[in-house]
Amino acid sequence: MTTLDVVLWGVLPYVTCAVLVGGTLWRYRYDKFGWTTRSSQLYESRLLRIGSPLFHFGLLVVIVGHVIGLLIPKSWTDAAGLSQEGYHLQALLLGTIAGISTLVGIGILIYRRRTTGPVFMATTKNDKLMYVVLVAAIVAGLATTLLGASGGDEHNYRLTVSPWFRSLFVLQPDIEAMSRAGIAFHLHTLIGMALSAVWPFTRLVHAFTAPLQYLFRPYIVYRSRESGTASRAPRRGWDRV
């Protein structure tokens, strides 16, 4: 265990967490009107209807996979009767499908953003940086998924990355465990921390807001102003409220 290991796996995670929490609170305090995805559906919807579900549903499965892989100890799945081979097989199948779906989805969204003029004009420098880091995180995640299924203690993140990640919550980081992980897992973790650090300053911040009121509000009805499309003839005077 070197000084660099201490900095990367013992200090940097807490710095990243401080930036994530502090940046989110700052954004909410001083930029409430900017707390949005800046929807561009009015400018282009065909590619959005394809890319957005692929990205979001794929990302949801990826997040669930990370929660299971990082927070649930290996001893628990062993006690439940799930063998190491079975765990890696389902992780490989679901992780690969979800990772490819997320990557294809973000690829479509980036292509749409770059080729649709008004959408590209609404893209900030922070968002451009976010797309680079996000794609790098997805690609690195796919690589670690394939390596994790190949076997070997070096590629078994449940013996290295997972114990280190859980140890962060008790403020006793297991730096030695993380230092034993392979270079691909180191790279994926560093990219993940970079993504967390830029998260509050990009459109990704909308993920922290759950629009629960959408479940209960009435639908918004759009009506055309073209002649002959009105549902009833216009009347003079005021309508009753």
Protein backbone atom coordinates (compact mmCIF):
# COMPACT_ATOMS: atom_id res chain seq x y z
CA MET A 1 0.00 0.00 0.00
CA THR A 2 1.54 3.24 -1.18
CA THR A 3 0.90 6.92 -0.50
CA LEU A 4 -0.92 7.12 -3.83
CA ASP A 5 -3.26 4.34 -2.70
CA VAL A 6 -4.04 6.28 0.47
CA VAL A 7 -4.82 9.42 -1.52
CA LEU A 8 -6.92 7.67 -4.18
CA TRP A 9 -8.85 5.21 -2.03
CA GLY A 10 -8.72 6.83 1.42
CA VAL A 11 -9.00 10.58 0.80
CA LEU A 12 -10.45 11.15 -2.69
CA PRO A 13 -13.78 9.34 -2.04
CA TYR A 14 -14.60 11.71 0.82
CA VAL A 15 -13.55 14.75 -1.21
CA THR A 16 -15.83 13.57 -4.00
CA CYS A 17 -18.69 13.08 -1.55
CA ALA A 18 -18.18 16.58 -0.16
CA VAL A 19 -18.29 18.08 -3.67
CA LEU A 20 -21.40 16.06 -4.55
CA VAL A 21 -23.34 17.04 -1.42
CA GLY A 22 -22.05 20.60 -1.23
CA GLY A 23 -22.53 21.23 -4.95
CA THR A 24 -26.07 19.86 -4.86
CA LEU A 25 -27.02 22.07 -1.90
CA TRP A 26 -25.42 25.10 -3.58
CA ARG A 27 -27.25 24.39 -6.85
CA TYR A 28 -30.57 24.04 -5.06
CA ARG A 29 -29.98 27.23 -3.07
CA TYR A 30 -28.81 29.50 -5.87
CA ASP A 31 -30.03 27.90 -9.11
CA LYS A 32 -33.53 26.54 -8.52
CA PHE A 33 -34.68 27.71 -11.95
CA GLY A 34 -31.79 25.82 -13.53
CA TRP A 35 -32.66 22.59 -11.69
CA THR A 36 -34.02 20.94 -14.82
CA THR A 37 -33.14 18.74 -17.76
CA ARG A 38 -33.83 21.69 -20.09
CA SER A 39 -36.16 19.51 -22.14
CA SER A 40 -35.68 19.76 -25.91
CA GLN A 41 -38.55 17.51 -27.00
CA LEU A 42 -40.19 20.36 -28.93
CA TYR A 43 -37.18 20.56 -31.25
CA GLU A 44 -36.88 16.84 -32.04
CA SER A 45 -38.82 13.84 -30.75
CA ARG A 46 -38.18 10.89 -33.09
CA LEU A 47 -34.66 10.08 -31.88
CA LEU A 48 -35.60 11.09 -28.33
CA ARG A 49 -38.35 8.45 -28.22
CA ILE A 50 -35.75 5.79 -29.03
CA GLY A 51 -32.65 6.95 -27.18
CA SER A 52 -34.20 8.14 -23.92
CA PRO A 53 -35.93 4.86 -22.91
CA LEU A 54 -32.87 2.83 -23.90
CA PHE A 55 -30.63 5.02 -21.78
CA HIS A 56 -32.85 5.43 -18.74
CA PHE A 57 -34.09 1.84 -18.42
CA GLY A 58 -30.61 0.50 -19.09
CA LEU A 59 -29.16 2.87 -16.51
CA LEU A 60 -31.77 1.78 -13.97
CA VAL A 61 -30.68 -1.85 -14.32
CA VAL A 62 -27.03 -0.79 -14.09
CA ILE A 63 -27.69 1.08 -10.83
CA VAL A 64 -29.55 -1.90 -9.34
CA GLY A 65 -26.64 -4.15 -10.36
CA HIS A 66 -24.15 -1.84 -8.65
CA VAL A 67 -26.23 -1.77 -5.47
CA ILE A 68 -26.39 -5.57 -5.37
CA GLY A 69 -22.72 -6.06 -6.26
CA LEU A 70 -21.30 -3.43 -3.91
CA LEU A 71 -23.59 -3.47 -0.90
CA ILE A 72 -24.53 -7.16 -0.56
CA PRO A 73 -21.60 -9.20 0.85
CA LYS A 74 -20.54 -12.40 -0.87
CA SER A 75 -21.32 -14.37 2.30
CA TRP A 76 -25.00 -13.39 2.01
CA THR A 77 -25.40 -14.74 -1.52
CA ASP A 78 -23.48 -17.87 -0.54
CA ALA A 79 -25.87 -18.39 2.37
CA ALA A 80 -28.81 -17.93 -0.02
CA GLY A 81 -27.48 -20.79 -2.16
CA LEU A 82 -26.27 -18.66 -5.09
CA SER A 83 -22.94 -20.03 -6.26
CA GLN A 84 -20.08 -17.86 -7.42
CA GLU A 85 -20.49 -19.15 -10.98
CA GLY A 86 -24.23 -18.47 -10.95
CA TYR A 87 -23.72 -14.96 -9.61
CA HIS A 88 -21.17 -14.07 -12.26
CA LEU A 89 -23.34 -15.60 -15.01
CA GLN A 90 -26.37 -13.47 -14.17
CA ALA A 91 -24.13 -10.44 -13.65
CA LEU A 92 -22.57 -11.02 -17.08
CA LEU A 93 -25.91 -11.43 -18.87
CA LEU A 94 -27.82 -8.61 -17.19
CA GLY A 95 -24.80 -6.32 -16.95
CA THR A 96 -23.90 -6.71 -20.60
CA ILE A 97 -27.45 -6.20 -21.84
CA ALA A 98 -27.99 -3.18 -19.58
CA GLY A 99 -24.58 -1.70 -20.39
CA ILE A 100 -25.04 -2.02 -24.15
CA SER A 101 -28.57 -0.60 -23.91
CA THR A 102 -27.28 2.38 -21.92
CA LEU A 103 -24.38 2.93 -24.30
CA VAL A 104 -26.57 2.76 -27.41
CA GLY A 105 -29.12 5.06 -25.78
CA ILE A 106 -26.57 7.72 -24.83
CA GLY A 107 -25.03 7.40 -28.31
CA ILE A 108 -28.39 8.20 -29.91
CA LEU A 109 -28.94 11.12 -27.55
CA ILE A 110 -25.49 12.56 -28.26
CA TYR A 111 -26.01 12.17 -32.02
CA ARG A 112 -29.38 13.91 -31.70
CA ARG A 113 -27.89 16.72 -29.64
CA ARG A 114 -25.05 17.26 -32.12
CA THR A 115 -27.12 17.14 -35.31
CA THR A 116 -30.19 19.11 -34.16
CA GLY A 117 -29.29 22.80 -34.23
CA PRO A 118 -31.54 24.19 -31.46
CA VAL A 119 -30.71 21.25 -29.18
CA PHE A 120 -26.98 21.70 -29.71
CA MET A 121 -27.25 25.42 -29.01
CA ALA A 122 -28.83 24.65 -25.63
CA THR A 123 -25.93 22.40 -24.60
CA THR A 124 -23.60 23.97 -22.02
CA LYS A 125 -19.88 23.33 -21.61
CA ASN A 126 -20.59 21.49 -18.37
CA ASP A 127 -23.00 19.20 -20.19
CA LYS A 128 -20.42 18.44 -22.88
CA LEU A 129 -17.93 17.46 -20.17
CA MET A 130 -20.63 15.37 -18.49
CA TYR A 131 -21.27 13.41 -21.69
CA VAL A 132 -17.57 12.58 -22.04
CA VAL A 133 -17.29 11.37 -18.44
CA LEU A 134 -20.59 9.49 -18.60
CA VAL A 135 -19.66 7.59 -21.77
CA ALA A 136 -16.25 6.78 -20.29
CA ALA A 137 -17.94 5.41 -17.15
CA ILE A 138 -20.28 3.20 -19.21
CA VAL A 139 -17.46 1.82 -21.37
CA ALA A 140 -15.28 1.15 -18.32
CA GLY A 141 -18.24 -0.51 -16.61
CA LEU A 142 -18.76 -2.87 -19.54
CA ALA A 143 -15.06 -3.77 -19.44
CA THR A 144 -15.18 -4.56 -15.72
CA THR A 145 -18.32 -6.66 -16.24
CA LEU A 146 -16.53 -8.82 -18.79
CA LEU A 147 -13.41 -9.06 -16.63
CA GLY A 148 -15.44 -9.95 -13.55
CA ALA A 149 -16.94 -12.91 -15.38
CA SER A 150 -13.52 -14.16 -16.48
CA GLY A 151 -12.64 -15.34 -12.95
CA GLY A 152 -9.56 -14.86 -10.77
CA ASP A 153 -9.24 -13.00 -7.47
CA GLU A 154 -7.83 -9.92 -9.22
CA HIS A 155 -11.04 -9.59 -11.26
CA ASN A 156 -13.42 -10.58 -8.45
CA TYR A 157 -14.65 -7.16 -7.34
CA ARG A 158 -16.65 -8.75 -4.52
CA LEU A 159 -13.36 -9.43 -2.73
CA THR A 160 -11.77 -6.05 -3.40
CA VAL A 161 -13.98 -3.17 -4.56
CA SER A 162 -17.10 -4.19 -2.61
CA PRO A 163 -15.41 -4.44 0.84
CA TRP A 164 -13.65 -1.13 0.19
CA PHE A 165 -16.91 0.57 -0.83
CA ARG A 166 -18.78 -0.66 2.26
CA SER A 167 -15.90 0.36 4.52
CA LEU A 168 -16.26 3.99 3.38
CA PHE A 169 -19.60 4.27 5.19
CA VAL A 170 -18.04 3.43 8.57
CA LEU A 171 -15.17 5.88 7.95
CA GLN A 172 -12.60 3.08 7.94
CA PRO A 173 -11.67 2.70 4.25
CA ASP A 174 -10.16 -0.71 3.44
CA ILE A 175 -7.42 0.74 1.23
CA GLU A 176 -5.50 -2.51 1.06
CA ALA A 177 -8.49 -4.38 -0.40
CA MET A 178 -8.98 -1.76 -3.10
CA SER A 179 -5.28 -1.71 -3.94
CA ARG A 180 -5.51 -5.41 -4.85
CA ALA A 181 -8.14 -4.77 -7.52
CA GLY A 182 -7.22 -4.76 -11.19
CA ILE A 183 -6.38 -1.63 -13.15
CA ALA A 184 -9.75 -1.75 -14.97
CA PHE A 185 -11.60 -1.54 -11.65
CA HIS A 186 -9.35 1.29 -10.50
CA LEU A 187 -10.06 3.19 -13.69
CA HIS A 188 -13.81 2.59 -13.48
CA THR A 189 -13.88 3.75 -9.87
CA LEU A 190 -11.93 6.93 -10.61
CA ILE A 191 -14.21 7.76 -13.55
CA GLY A 192 -17.21 7.11 -11.30
CA MET A 193 -15.88 9.57 -8.73
CA ALA A 194 -15.27 12.14 -11.47
CA LEU A 195 -18.86 11.71 -12.64
CA SER A 196 -20.11 12.20 -9.07
CA ALA A 197 -18.05 15.39 -8.74
CA VAL A 198 -19.48 17.01 -11.89
CA TRP A 199 -23.01 15.69 -11.27
CA PRO A 200 -24.41 18.73 -9.36
CA PHE A 201 -23.24 21.18 -12.02
CA THR A 202 -24.90 19.51 -15.04
CA ARG A 203 -28.37 18.46 -16.17
CA LEU A 204 -27.88 15.17 -14.27
CA VAL A 205 -28.94 16.97 -11.10
CA HIS A 206 -32.57 16.42 -12.10
CA ALA A 207 -32.17 12.78 -10.99
CA PHE A 208 -32.38 13.99 -7.38
CA THR A 209 -35.86 15.36 -7.94
CA ALA A 210 -38.81 12.96 -8.02
CA PRO A 211 -41.81 14.62 -9.73
CA LEU A 212 -44.38 12.72 -7.66
CA GLN A 213 -47.04 15.31 -8.44
CA TYR A 214 -47.05 14.07 -12.05
CA LEU A 215 -48.85 10.93 -10.83
CA PHE A 216 -51.85 12.91 -9.62
CA ARG A 217 -52.14 15.98 -11.84
CA PRO A 218 -54.59 15.98 -14.81
CA TYR A 219 -53.35 15.63 -18.33
CA ILE A 220 -52.40 18.74 -20.26
CA VAL A 221 -54.52 18.98 -23.40
CA TYR A 222 -53.01 20.73 -26.42
CA ARG A 223 -55.40 22.09 -29.06
CA SER A 224 -54.56 23.26 -32.54
CA ARG A 225 -55.40 26.79 -33.69
CA GLU A 226 -56.05 25.69 -37.26
CA SER A 227 -59.55 26.34 -38.58
CA GLY A 228 -62.00 23.50 -38.41
CA THR A 229 -60.35 21.68 -35.51
CA ALA A 230 -62.20 23.29 -32.61
CA SER A 231 -64.42 20.97 -30.59
CA ARG A 232 -67.22 23.58 -30.44
CA ALA A 233 -68.10 26.83 -32.15
CA PRO A 234 -66.71 29.94 -30.45
CA ARG A 235 -69.21 32.01 -28.48
CA ARG A 236 -69.21 35.68 -27.70
CA GLY A 237 -68.60 36.84 -24.17
CA TRP A 238 -66.95 35.17 -21.22
CA ASP A 239 -67.05 31.44 -20.52
CA ARG A 240 -68.20 30.31 -17.11
CA VAL A 241 -65.37 29.18 -14.84
